Amino acid sequence: MLATLAIFLPAFAFVAVIRPVAPRLGRSSRLASLLDGLNMAAVALMAGVLWELGRTAIGDPLSGFLALGALVALLRFEVNSAWLIVVGGAIKVATCLV
């Protein structure tokens, strides 16, 4: 709990402090460009983390198949993600026992 709080609290505090002045910041052309650049940097950082986590998490063909199947089930059939976690975990545990 403490680690999660330490990770997310600064971002929430920053948003709370910036929120009242955000409209004025967006009206300035220079600051708007700066904010656009910060947004793109955040998106690039998230994409990089997604790539690294994906490479680590999908280390074998079974994991790749499960990830692809989960993506299809989530997008096509709107399956609750909790079920995807339970089923994927059960399949991985079952294959480790064999």
PDB file of N, CA and C in Angstrom:
ATOM      1  N   MET A   1       0.826  -1.190   0.000  1.00  0.00           N
ATOM      2  CA  MET A   1       0.000   0.000   0.000  1.00  0.00           C
ATOM      3  C   MET A   1       0.871   1.255   0.000  1.00  0.00           C
ATOM      4  N   LEU A   2       1.914   1.230   0.820  1.00  0.00           N
ATOM      5  CA  LEU A   2       2.778   2.402   0.923  1.00  0.00           C
ATOM      6  C   LEU A   2       3.512   2.668  -0.392  1.00  0.00           C
ATOM      7  N   ALA A   3       3.970   1.603  -1.049  1.00  0.00           N
ATOM      8  CA  ALA A   3       4.668   1.775  -2.325  1.00  0.00           C
ATOM      9  C   ALA A   3       3.723   2.336  -3.388  1.00  0.00           C
ATOM     10  N   THR A   4       2.504   1.830  -3.435  1.00  0.00           N
ATOM     11  CA  THR A   4       1.524   2.340  -4.397  1.00  0.00           C
ATOM     12  C   THR A   4       1.216   3.800  -4.125  1.00  0.00           C
ATOM     13  N   LEU A   5       1.036   4.128  -2.876  1.00  0.00           N
ATOM     14  CA  LEU A   5       0.786   5.523  -2.503  1.00  0.00           C
ATOM     15  C   LEU A   5       1.967   6.412  -2.891  1.00  0.00           C
ATOM     16  N   ALA A   6       3.167   5.945  -2.654  1.00  0.00           N
ATOM     17  CA  ALA A   6       4.358   6.730  -2.982  1.00  0.00           C
ATOM     18  C   ALA A   6       4.523   6.921  -4.486  1.00  0.00           C
ATOM     19  N   ILE A   7       4.054   5.960  -5.272  1.00  0.00           N
ATOM     20  CA  ILE A   7       4.168   6.076  -6.729  1.00  0.00           C
ATOM     21  C   ILE A   7       3.139   7.050  -7.282  1.00  0.00           C
ATOM     22  N   PHE A   8       1.898   6.947  -6.831  1.00  0.00           N
ATOM     23  CA  PHE A   8       0.817   7.701  -7.459  1.00  0.00           C
ATOM     24  C   PHE A   8       0.497   9.045  -6.802  1.00  0.00           C
ATOM     25  N   LEU A   9       0.774   9.214  -5.527  1.00  0.00           N
ATOM     26  CA  LEU A   9       0.414  10.449  -4.839  1.00  0.00           C
ATOM     27  C   LEU A   9       1.057  11.693  -5.450  1.00  0.00           C
ATOM     28  N   PRO A  10       2.342  11.675  -5.827  1.00  0.00           N
ATOM     29  CA  PRO A  10       2.912  12.889  -6.424  1.00  0.00           C
ATOM     30  C   PRO A  10       2.192  13.328  -7.706  1.00  0.00           C
ATOM     31  N   ALA A  11       1.785  12.393  -8.529  1.00  0.00           N
ATOM     32  CA  ALA A  11       1.074  12.752  -9.762  1.00  0.00           C
ATOM     33  C   ALA A  11      -0.275  13.379  -9.440  1.00  0.00           C
ATOM     34  N   PHE A  12      -0.990  12.818  -8.485  1.00  0.00           N
ATOM     35  CA  PHE A  12      -2.283  13.386  -8.110  1.00  0.00           C
ATOM     36  C   PHE A  12      -2.107  14.772  -7.493  1.00  0.00           C
ATOM     37  N   ALA A  13      -1.077  14.941  -6.688  1.00  0.00           N
ATOM     38  CA  ALA A  13      -0.818  16.250  -6.087  1.00  0.00           C
ATOM     39  C   ALA A  13      -0.471  17.272  -7.166  1.00  0.00           C
ATOM     40  N   PHE A  14       0.332  16.868  -8.143  1.00  0.00           N
ATOM     41  CA  PHE A  14       0.703  17.770  -9.230  1.00  0.00           C
ATOM     42  C   PHE A  14      -0.529  18.197 -10.018  1.00  0.00           C
ATOM     43  N   VAL A  15      -1.406  17.265 -10.320  1.00  0.00           N
ATOM     44  CA  VAL A  15      -2.629  17.590 -11.053  1.00  0.00           C
ATOM     45  C   VAL A  15      -3.503  18.534 -10.230  1.00  0.00           C
ATOM     46  N   ALA A  16      -3.610  18.290  -8.946  1.00  0.00           N
ATOM     47  CA  ALA A  16      -4.429  19.157  -8.090  1.00  0.00           C
ATOM     48  C   ALA A  16      -3.882  20.579  -8.052  1.00  0.00           C
ATOM     49  N   VAL A  17      -2.570  20.716  -8.062  1.00  0.00           N
ATOM     50  CA  VAL A  17      -1.962  22.047  -8.017  1.00  0.00           C
ATOM     51  C   VAL A  17      -2.099  22.754  -9.370  1.00  0.00           C
ATOM     52  N   ILE A  18      -1.929  22.039 -10.451  1.00  0.00           N
ATOM     53  CA  ILE A  18      -1.943  22.630 -11.794  1.00  0.00           C
ATOM     54  C   ILE A  18      -3.359  22.898 -12.303  1.00  0.00           C
ATOM     55  N   ARG A  19      -4.328  22.139 -11.855  1.00  0.00           N
ATOM     56  CA  ARG A  19      -5.683  22.238 -12.405  1.00  0.00           C
ATOM     57  C   ARG A  19      -6.253  23.666 -12.446  1.00  0.00           C
ATOM     58  N   PRO A  20      -6.122  24.463 -11.415  1.00  0.00           N
ATOM     59  CA  PRO A  20      -6.707  25.809 -11.476  1.00  0.00           C
ATOM     60  C   PRO A  20      -6.080  26.714 -12.545  1.00  0.00           C
ATOM     61  N   VAL A  21      -4.815  26.498 -12.866  1.00  0.00           N
ATOM     62  CA  VAL A  21      -4.145  27.377 -13.839  1.00  0.00           C
ATOM     63  C   VAL A  21      -4.009  26.750 -15.219  1.00  0.00           C
ATOM     64  N   ALA A  22      -4.467  25.515 -15.390  1.00  0.00           N
ATOM     65  CA  ALA A  22      -4.313  24.821 -16.667  1.00  0.00           C
ATOM     66  C   ALA A  22      -4.958  25.556 -17.845  1.00  0.00           C
ATOM     67  N   PRO A  23      -6.163  26.106 -17.712  1.00  0.00           N
ATOM     68  CA  PRO A  23      -6.737  26.827 -18.857  1.00  0.00           C
ATOM     69  C   PRO A  23      -5.879  28.009 -19.308  1.00  0.00           C
ATOM     70  N   ARG A  24      -5.306  28.731 -18.370  1.00  0.00           N
ATOM     71  CA  ARG A  24      -4.427  29.859 -18.731  1.00  0.00           C
ATOM     72  C   ARG A  24      -3.151  29.366 -19.391  1.00  0.00           C
ATOM     73  N   LEU A  25      -2.625  28.250 -18.935  1.00  0.00           N
ATOM     74  CA  LEU A  25      -1.415  27.700 -19.542  1.00  0.00           C
ATOM     75  C   LEU A  25      -1.677  27.284 -20.984  1.00  0.00           C
ATOM     76  N   GLY A  26      -2.852  26.719 -21.241  1.00  0.00           N
ATOM     77  CA  GLY A  26      -3.192  26.265 -22.582  1.00  0.00           C
ATOM     78  C   GLY A  26      -3.398  27.401 -23.571  1.00  0.00           C
ATOM     79  N   ARG A  27      -3.726  28.593 -23.082  1.00  0.00           N
ATOM     80  CA  ARG A  27      -3.943  29.735 -23.983  1.00  0.00           C
ATOM     81  C   ARG A  27      -2.639  30.337 -24.482  1.00  0.00           C
ATOM     82  N   SER A  28      -1.566  30.119 -23.765  1.00  0.00           N
ATOM     83  CA  SER A  28      -0.264  30.626 -24.195  1.00  0.00           C
ATOM     84  C   SER A  28       0.294  29.689 -25.265  1.00  0.00           C
ATOM     85  N   SER A  29       0.667  30.244 -26.417  1.00  0.00           N
ATOM     86  CA  SER A  29       1.141  29.395 -27.515  1.00  0.00           C
ATOM     87  C   SER A  29       2.427  28.656 -27.145  1.00  0.00           C
ATOM     88  N   ARG A  30       3.329  29.311 -26.451  1.00  0.00           N
ATOM     89  CA  ARG A  30       4.584  28.643 -26.066  1.00  0.00           C
ATOM     90  C   ARG A  30       4.336  27.539 -25.045  1.00  0.00           C
ATOM     91  N   LEU A  31       3.534  27.859 -24.043  1.00  0.00           N
ATOM     92  CA  LEU A  31       3.268  26.846 -23.025  1.00  0.00           C
ATOM     93  C   LEU A  31       2.398  25.718 -23.580  1.00  0.00           C
ATOM     94  N   ALA A  32       1.508  26.031 -24.504  1.00  0.00           N
ATOM     95  CA  ALA A  32       0.696  24.976 -25.124  1.00  0.00           C
ATOM     96  C   ALA A  32       1.594  24.014 -25.887  1.00  0.00           C
ATOM     97  N   SER A  33       2.590  24.551 -26.586  1.00  0.00           N
ATOM     98  CA  SER A  33       3.533  23.686 -27.299  1.00  0.00           C
ATOM     99  C   SER A  33       4.335  22.838 -26.316  1.00  0.00           C
ATOM    100  N   LEU A  34       4.742  23.441 -25.208  1.00  0.00           N
ATOM    101  CA  LEU A  34       5.468  22.705 -24.181  1.00  0.00           C
ATOM    102  C   LEU A  34       4.602  21.580 -23.624  1.00  0.00           C
ATOM    103  N   LEU A  35       3.339  21.870 -23.334  1.00  0.00           N
ATOM    104  CA  LEU A  35       2.440  20.843 -22.807  1.00  0.00           C
ATOM    105  C   LEU A  35       2.197  19.734 -23.826  1.00  0.00           C
ATOM    106  N   ASP A  36       2.090  20.096 -25.104  1.00  0.00           N
ATOM    107  CA  ASP A  36       1.954  19.078 -26.145  1.00  0.00           C
ATOM    108  C   ASP A  36       3.187  18.169 -26.180  1.00  0.00           C
ATOM    109  N   GLY A  37       4.360  18.771 -26.051  1.00  0.00           N
ATOM    110  CA  GLY A  37       5.588  17.982 -26.014  1.00  0.00           C
ATOM    111  C   GLY A  37       5.654  17.067 -24.805  1.00  0.00           C
ATOM    112  N   LEU A  38       5.225  17.560 -23.652  1.00  0.00           N
ATOM    113  CA  LEU A  38       5.192  16.729 -22.448  1.00  0.00           C
ATOM    114  C   LEU A  38       4.216  15.571 -22.605  1.00  0.00           C
ATOM    115  N   ASN A  39       3.065  15.842 -23.222  1.00  0.00           N
ATOM    116  CA  ASN A  39       2.103  14.763 -23.463  1.00  0.00           C
ATOM    117  C   ASN A  39       2.699  13.699 -24.376  1.00  0.00           C
ATOM    118  N   MET A  40       3.373  14.119 -25.436  1.00  0.00           N
ATOM    119  CA  MET A  40       3.979  13.152 -26.348  1.00  0.00           C
ATOM    120  C   MET A  40       5.090  12.359 -25.659  1.00  0.00           C
ATOM    121  N   ALA A  41       5.854  13.023 -24.806  1.00  0.00           N
ATOM    122  CA  ALA A  41       6.900  12.319 -24.066  1.00  0.00           C
ATOM    123  C   ALA A  41       6.291  11.277 -23.133  1.00  0.00           C
ATOM    124  N   ALA A  42       5.169  11.611 -22.501  1.00  0.00           N
ATOM    125  CA  ALA A  42       4.501  10.659 -21.612  1.00  0.00           C
ATOM    126  C   ALA A  42       3.983   9.465 -22.405  1.00  0.00           C
ATOM    127  N   VAL A  43       3.403   9.718 -23.583  1.00  0.00           N
ATOM    128  CA  VAL A  43       2.899   8.627 -24.423  1.00  0.00           C
ATOM    129  C   VAL A  43       4.057   7.736 -24.878  1.00  0.00           C
ATOM    130  N   ALA A  44       5.171   8.346 -25.269  1.00  0.00           N
ATOM    131  CA  ALA A  44       6.337   7.572 -25.699  1.00  0.00           C
ATOM    132  C   ALA A  44       6.890   6.735 -24.546  1.00  0.00           C
ATOM    133  N   LEU A  45       6.916   7.299 -23.362  1.00  0.00           N
ATOM    134  CA  LEU A  45       7.387   6.561 -22.191  1.00  0.00           C
ATOM    135  C   LEU A  45       6.475   5.372 -21.906  1.00  0.00           C
ATOM    136  N   MET A  46       5.163   5.583 -21.982  1.00  0.00           N
ATOM    137  CA  MET A  46       4.232   4.471 -21.754  1.00  0.00           C
ATOM    138  C   MET A  46       4.386   3.395 -22.829  1.00  0.00           C
ATOM    139  N   ALA A  47       4.604   3.790 -24.074  1.00  0.00           N
ATOM    140  CA  ALA A  47       4.800   2.816 -25.150  1.00  0.00           C
ATOM    141  C   ALA A  47       6.079   2.012 -24.915  1.00  0.00           C
ATOM    142  N   GLY A  48       7.133   2.677 -24.479  1.00  0.00           N
ATOM    143  CA  GLY A  48       8.384   1.977 -24.186  1.00  0.00           C
ATOM    144  C   GLY A  48       8.238   0.992 -23.045  1.00  0.00           C
ATOM    145  N   VAL A  49       7.535   1.387 -22.005  1.00  0.00           N
ATOM    146  CA  VAL A  49       7.312   0.490 -20.870  1.00  0.00           C
ATOM    147  C   VAL A  49       6.441  -0.682 -21.302  1.00  0.00           C
ATOM    148  N   LEU A  50       5.404  -0.408 -22.110  1.00  0.00           N
ATOM    149  CA  LEU A  50       4.555  -1.478 -22.620  1.00  0.00           C
ATOM    150  C   LEU A  50       5.375  -2.485 -23.413  1.00  0.00           C
ATOM    151  N   TRP A  51       6.264  -1.995 -24.255  1.00  0.00           N
ATOM    152  CA  TRP A  51       7.112  -2.877 -25.065  1.00  0.00           C
ATOM    153  C   TRP A  51       7.988  -3.761 -24.174  1.00  0.00           C
ATOM    154  N   GLU A  52       8.652  -3.155 -23.204  1.00  0.00           N
ATOM    155  CA  GLU A  52       9.547  -3.920 -22.326  1.00  0.00           C
ATOM    156  C   GLU A  52       8.775  -4.925 -21.473  1.00  0.00           C
ATOM    157  N   LEU A  53       7.642  -4.512 -20.924  1.00  0.00           N
ATOM    158  CA  LEU A  53       6.844  -5.445 -20.127  1.00  0.00           C
ATOM    159  C   LEU A  53       6.301  -6.575 -20.994  1.00  0.00           C
ATOM    160  N   GLY A  54       5.899  -6.240 -22.215  1.00  0.00           N
ATOM    161  CA  GLY A  54       5.404  -7.267 -23.128  1.00  0.00           C
ATOM    162  C   GLY A  54       6.471  -8.283 -23.476  1.00  0.00           C
ATOM    163  N   ARG A  55       7.682  -7.794 -23.733  1.00  0.00           N
ATOM    164  CA  ARG A  55       8.782  -8.717 -24.053  1.00  0.00           C
ATOM    165  C   ARG A  55       9.096  -9.625 -22.884  1.00  0.00           C
ATOM    166  N   THR A  56       9.010  -9.097 -21.683  1.00  0.00           N
ATOM    167  CA  THR A  56       9.300  -9.892 -20.492  1.00  0.00           C
ATOM    168  C   THR A  56       8.169 -10.873 -20.198  1.00  0.00           C
ATOM    169  N   ALA A  57       6.924 -10.401 -20.307  1.00  0.00           N
ATOM    170  CA  ALA A  57       5.777 -11.234 -19.951  1.00  0.00           C
ATOM    171  C   ALA A  57       5.493 -12.307 -20.991  1.00  0.00           C
ATOM    172  N   ILE A  58       5.748 -12.011 -22.259  1.00  0.00           N
ATOM    173  CA  ILE A  58       5.452 -12.972 -23.317  1.00  0.00           C
ATOM    174  C   ILE A  58       6.775 -13.591 -23.747  1.00  0.00           C
ATOM    175  N   GLY A  59       7.231 -14.545 -22.948  1.00  0.00           N
ATOM    176  CA  GLY A  59       8.542 -15.135 -23.184  1.00  0.00           C
ATOM    177  C   GLY A  59       8.521 -16.455 -23.921  1.00  0.00           C
ATOM    178  N   ASP A  60       7.336 -17.024 -24.108  1.00  0.00           N
ATOM    179  CA  ASP A  60       7.241 -18.305 -24.806  1.00  0.00           C
ATOM    180  C   ASP A  60       5.996 -18.300 -25.693  1.00  0.00           C
ATOM    181  N   PRO A  61       5.896 -19.260 -26.611  1.00  0.00           N
ATOM    182  CA  PRO A  61       4.748 -19.272 -27.528  1.00  0.00           C
ATOM    183  C   PRO A  61       3.395 -19.382 -26.817  1.00  0.00           C
ATOM    184  N   LEU A  62       3.323 -20.144 -25.722  1.00  0.00           N
ATOM    185  CA  LEU A  62       2.059 -20.278 -25.007  1.00  0.00           C
ATOM    186  C   LEU A  62       1.607 -18.928 -24.455  1.00  0.00           C
ATOM    187  N   SER A  63       2.527 -18.182 -23.887  1.00  0.00           N
ATOM    188  CA  SER A  63       2.186 -16.864 -23.356  1.00  0.00           C
ATOM    189  C   SER A  63       1.713 -15.934 -24.468  1.00  0.00           C
ATOM    190  N   GLY A  64       2.360 -16.018 -25.625  1.00  0.00           N
ATOM    191  CA  GLY A  64       1.932 -15.211 -26.765  1.00  0.00           C
ATOM    192  C   GLY A  64       0.535 -15.579 -27.218  1.00  0.00           C
ATOM    193  N   PHE A  65       0.259 -16.881 -27.279  1.00  0.00           N
ATOM    194  CA  PHE A  65      -1.065 -17.352 -27.664  1.00  0.00           C
ATOM    195  C   PHE A  65      -2.116 -16.889 -26.655  1.00  0.00           C
ATOM    196  N   LEU A  66      -1.803 -17.001 -25.366  1.00  0.00           N
ATOM    197  CA  LEU A  66      -2.745 -16.560 -24.333  1.00  0.00           C
ATOM    198  C   LEU A  66      -2.986 -15.046 -24.412  1.00  0.00           C
ATOM    199  N   ALA A  67      -1.940 -14.287 -24.649  1.00  0.00           N
ATOM    200  CA  ALA A  67      -2.094 -12.832 -24.757  1.00  0.00           C
ATOM    201  C   ALA A  67      -2.965 -12.466 -25.951  1.00  0.00           C
ATOM    202  N   LEU A  68      -2.725 -13.108 -27.074  1.00  0.00           N
ATOM    203  CA  LEU A  68      -3.517 -12.834 -28.275  1.00  0.00           C
ATOM    204  C   LEU A  68      -4.970 -13.261 -28.068  1.00  0.00           C
ATOM    205  N   GLY A  69      -5.167 -14.431 -27.490  1.00  0.00           N
ATOM    206  CA  GLY A  69      -6.526 -14.901 -27.205  1.00  0.00           C
ATOM    207  C   GLY A  69      -7.253 -13.983 -26.237  1.00  0.00           C
ATOM    208  N   ALA A  70      -6.537 -13.513 -25.223  1.00  0.00           N
ATOM    209  CA  ALA A  70      -7.142 -12.596 -24.257  1.00  0.00           C
ATOM    210  C   ALA A  70      -7.518 -11.271 -24.917  1.00  0.00           C
ATOM    211  N   LEU A  71      -6.662 -10.780 -25.803  1.00  0.00           N
ATOM    212  CA  LEU A  71      -6.963  -9.535 -26.513  1.00  0.00           C
ATOM    213  C   LEU A  71      -8.213  -9.687 -27.370  1.00  0.00           C
ATOM    214  N   VAL A  72      -8.314 -10.799 -28.088  1.00  0.00           N
ATOM    215  CA  VAL A  72      -9.499 -11.043 -28.920  1.00  0.00           C
ATOM    216  C   VAL A  72     -10.744 -11.167 -28.045  1.00  0.00           C
ATOM    217  N   ALA A  73     -10.649 -11.925 -26.957  1.00  0.00           N
ATOM    218  CA  ALA A  73     -11.797 -12.096 -26.061  1.00  0.00           C
ATOM    219  C   ALA A  73     -12.223 -10.768 -25.448  1.00  0.00           C
ATOM    220  N   LEU A  74     -11.255  -9.941 -25.107  1.00  0.00           N
ATOM    221  CA  LEU A  74     -11.559  -8.653 -24.490  1.00  0.00           C
ATOM    222  C   LEU A  74     -12.205  -7.698 -25.480  1.00  0.00           C
ATOM    223  N   LEU A  75     -11.664  -7.618 -26.694  1.00  0.00           N
ATOM    224  CA  LEU A  75     -12.176  -6.662 -27.671  1.00  0.00           C
ATOM    225  C   LEU A  75     -13.429  -7.153 -28.389  1.00  0.00           C
ATOM    226  N   ARG A  76     -13.472  -8.425 -28.741  1.00  0.00           N
ATOM    227  CA  ARG A  76     -14.590  -8.943 -29.541  1.00  0.00           C
ATOM    228  C   ARG A  76     -15.791  -9.302 -28.686  1.00  0.00           C
ATOM    229  N   PHE A  77     -15.528  -9.958 -27.555  1.00  0.00           N
ATOM    230  CA  PHE A  77     -16.625 -10.483 -26.745  1.00  0.00           C
ATOM    231  C   PHE A  77     -16.814  -9.717 -25.436  1.00  0.00           C
ATOM    232  N   GLU A  78     -15.985  -8.732 -25.185  1.00  0.00           N
ATOM    233  CA  GLU A  78     -16.058  -7.889 -23.983  1.00  0.00           C
ATOM    234  C   GLU A  78     -16.111  -8.721 -22.697  1.00  0.00           C
ATOM    235  N   VAL A  79     -15.236  -9.714 -22.628  1.00  0.00           N
ATOM    236  CA  VAL A  79     -15.132 -10.566 -21.446  1.00  0.00           C
ATOM    237  C   VAL A  79     -14.551  -9.742 -20.301  1.00  0.00           C
ATOM    238  N   ASN A  80     -15.027  -9.989 -19.098  1.00  0.00           N
ATOM    239  CA  ASN A  80     -14.496  -9.322 -17.916  1.00  0.00           C
ATOM    240  C   ASN A  80     -13.014  -9.686 -17.777  1.00  0.00           C
ATOM    241  N   SER A  81     -12.173  -8.701 -17.601  1.00  0.00           N
ATOM    242  CA  SER A  81     -10.736  -8.934 -17.547  1.00  0.00           C
ATOM    243  C   SER A  81     -10.327  -9.817 -16.363  1.00  0.00           C
ATOM    244  N   ALA A  82     -11.111  -9.823 -15.301  1.00  0.00           N
ATOM    245  CA  ALA A  82     -10.796 -10.700 -14.164  1.00  0.00           C
ATOM    246  C   ALA A  82     -10.837 -12.168 -14.594  1.00  0.00           C
ATOM    247  N   TRP A  83     -11.796 -12.523 -15.463  1.00  0.00           N
ATOM    248  CA  TRP A  83     -11.872 -13.898 -15.960  1.00  0.00           C
ATOM    249  C   TRP A  83     -10.677 -14.231 -16.832  1.00  0.00           C
ATOM    250  N   LEU A  84     -10.217 -13.275 -17.605  1.00  0.00           N
ATOM    251  CA  LEU A  84      -9.036 -13.513 -18.447  1.00  0.00           C
ATOM    252  C   LEU A  84      -7.820 -13.816 -17.588  1.00  0.00           C
ATOM    253  N   ILE A  85      -7.678 -13.102 -16.488  1.00  0.00           N
ATOM    254  CA  ILE A  85      -6.553 -13.335 -15.579  1.00  0.00           C
ATOM    255  C   ILE A  85      -6.654 -14.720 -14.947  1.00  0.00           C
ATOM    256  N   VAL A  86      -7.843 -15.075 -14.485  1.00  0.00           N
ATOM    257  CA  VAL A  86      -8.047 -16.378 -13.835  1.00  0.00           C
ATOM    258  C   VAL A  86      -7.782 -17.518 -14.815  1.00  0.00           C
ATOM    259  N   VAL A  87      -8.365 -17.432 -16.005  1.00  0.00           N
ATOM    260  CA  VAL A  87      -8.204 -18.506 -16.995  1.00  0.00           C
ATOM    261  C   VAL A  87      -6.754 -18.590 -17.475  1.00  0.00           C
ATOM    262  N   GLY A  88      -6.135 -17.450 -17.760  1.00  0.00           N
ATOM    263  CA  GLY A  88      -4.740 -17.453 -18.205  1.00  0.00           C
ATOM    264  C   GLY A  88      -3.826 -18.017 -17.141  1.00  0.00           C
ATOM    265  N   GLY A  89      -4.044 -17.623 -15.891  1.00  0.00           N
ATOM    266  CA  GLY A  89      -3.232 -18.164 -14.796  1.00  0.00           C
ATOM    267  C   GLY A  89      -3.418 -19.653 -14.623  1.00  0.00           C
ATOM    268  N   ALA A  90      -4.662 -20.112 -14.734  1.00  0.00           N
ATOM    269  CA  ALA A  90      -4.937 -21.555 -14.597  1.00  0.00           C
ATOM    270  C   ALA A  90      -4.272 -22.347 -15.721  1.00  0.00           C
ATOM    271  N   ILE A  91      -4.310 -21.828 -16.931  1.00  0.00           N
ATOM    272  CA  ILE A  91      -3.666 -22.533 -18.051  1.00  0.00           C
ATOM    273  C   ILE A  91      -2.158 -22.596 -17.854  1.00  0.00           C
ATOM    274  N   LYS A  92      -1.551 -21.484 -17.423  1.00  0.00           N
ATOM    275  CA  LYS A  92      -0.097 -21.485 -17.202  1.00  0.00           C
ATOM    276  C   LYS A  92       0.285 -22.446 -16.071  1.00  0.00           C
ATOM    277  N   VAL A  93      -0.485 -22.464 -14.989  1.00  0.00           N
ATOM    278  CA  VAL A  93      -0.199 -23.375 -13.881  1.00  0.00           C
ATOM    279  C   VAL A  93      -0.361 -24.822 -14.343  1.00  0.00           C
ATOM    280  N   ALA A  94      -1.417 -25.088 -15.112  1.00  0.00           N
ATOM    281  CA  ALA A  94      -1.640 -26.460 -15.587  1.00  0.00           C
ATOM    282  C   ALA A  94      -0.513 -26.929 -16.490  1.00  0.00           C
ATOM    283  N   THR A  95       0.008 -26.039 -17.328  1.00  0.00           N
ATOM    284  CA  THR A  95       1.104 -26.439 -18.220  1.00  0.00           C
ATOM    285  C   THR A  95       2.415 -26.616 -17.469  1.00  0.00           C
ATOM    286  N   CYS A  96       2.576 -25.934 -16.360  1.00  0.00           N
ATOM    287  CA  CYS A  96       3.786 -26.105 -15.544  1.00  0.00           C
ATOM    288  C   CYS A  96       3.772 -27.445 -14.790  1.00  0.00           C
ATOM    289  N   LEU A  97       2.588 -27.917 -14.494  1.00  0.00           N
ATOM    290  CA  LEU A  97       2.457 -29.173 -13.760  1.00  0.00           C
ATOM    291  C   LEU A  97       2.642 -30.381 -14.647  1.00  0.00           C
ATOM    292  N   VAL A  98       2.508 -30.190 -15.938  1.00  0.00           N
ATOM    293  CA  VAL A  98       2.607 -31.329 -16.872  1.00  0.00           C
ATOM    294  C   VAL A  98       4.039 -31.584 -17.233  1.00  0.00           C
TER     295      VAL A  98
END
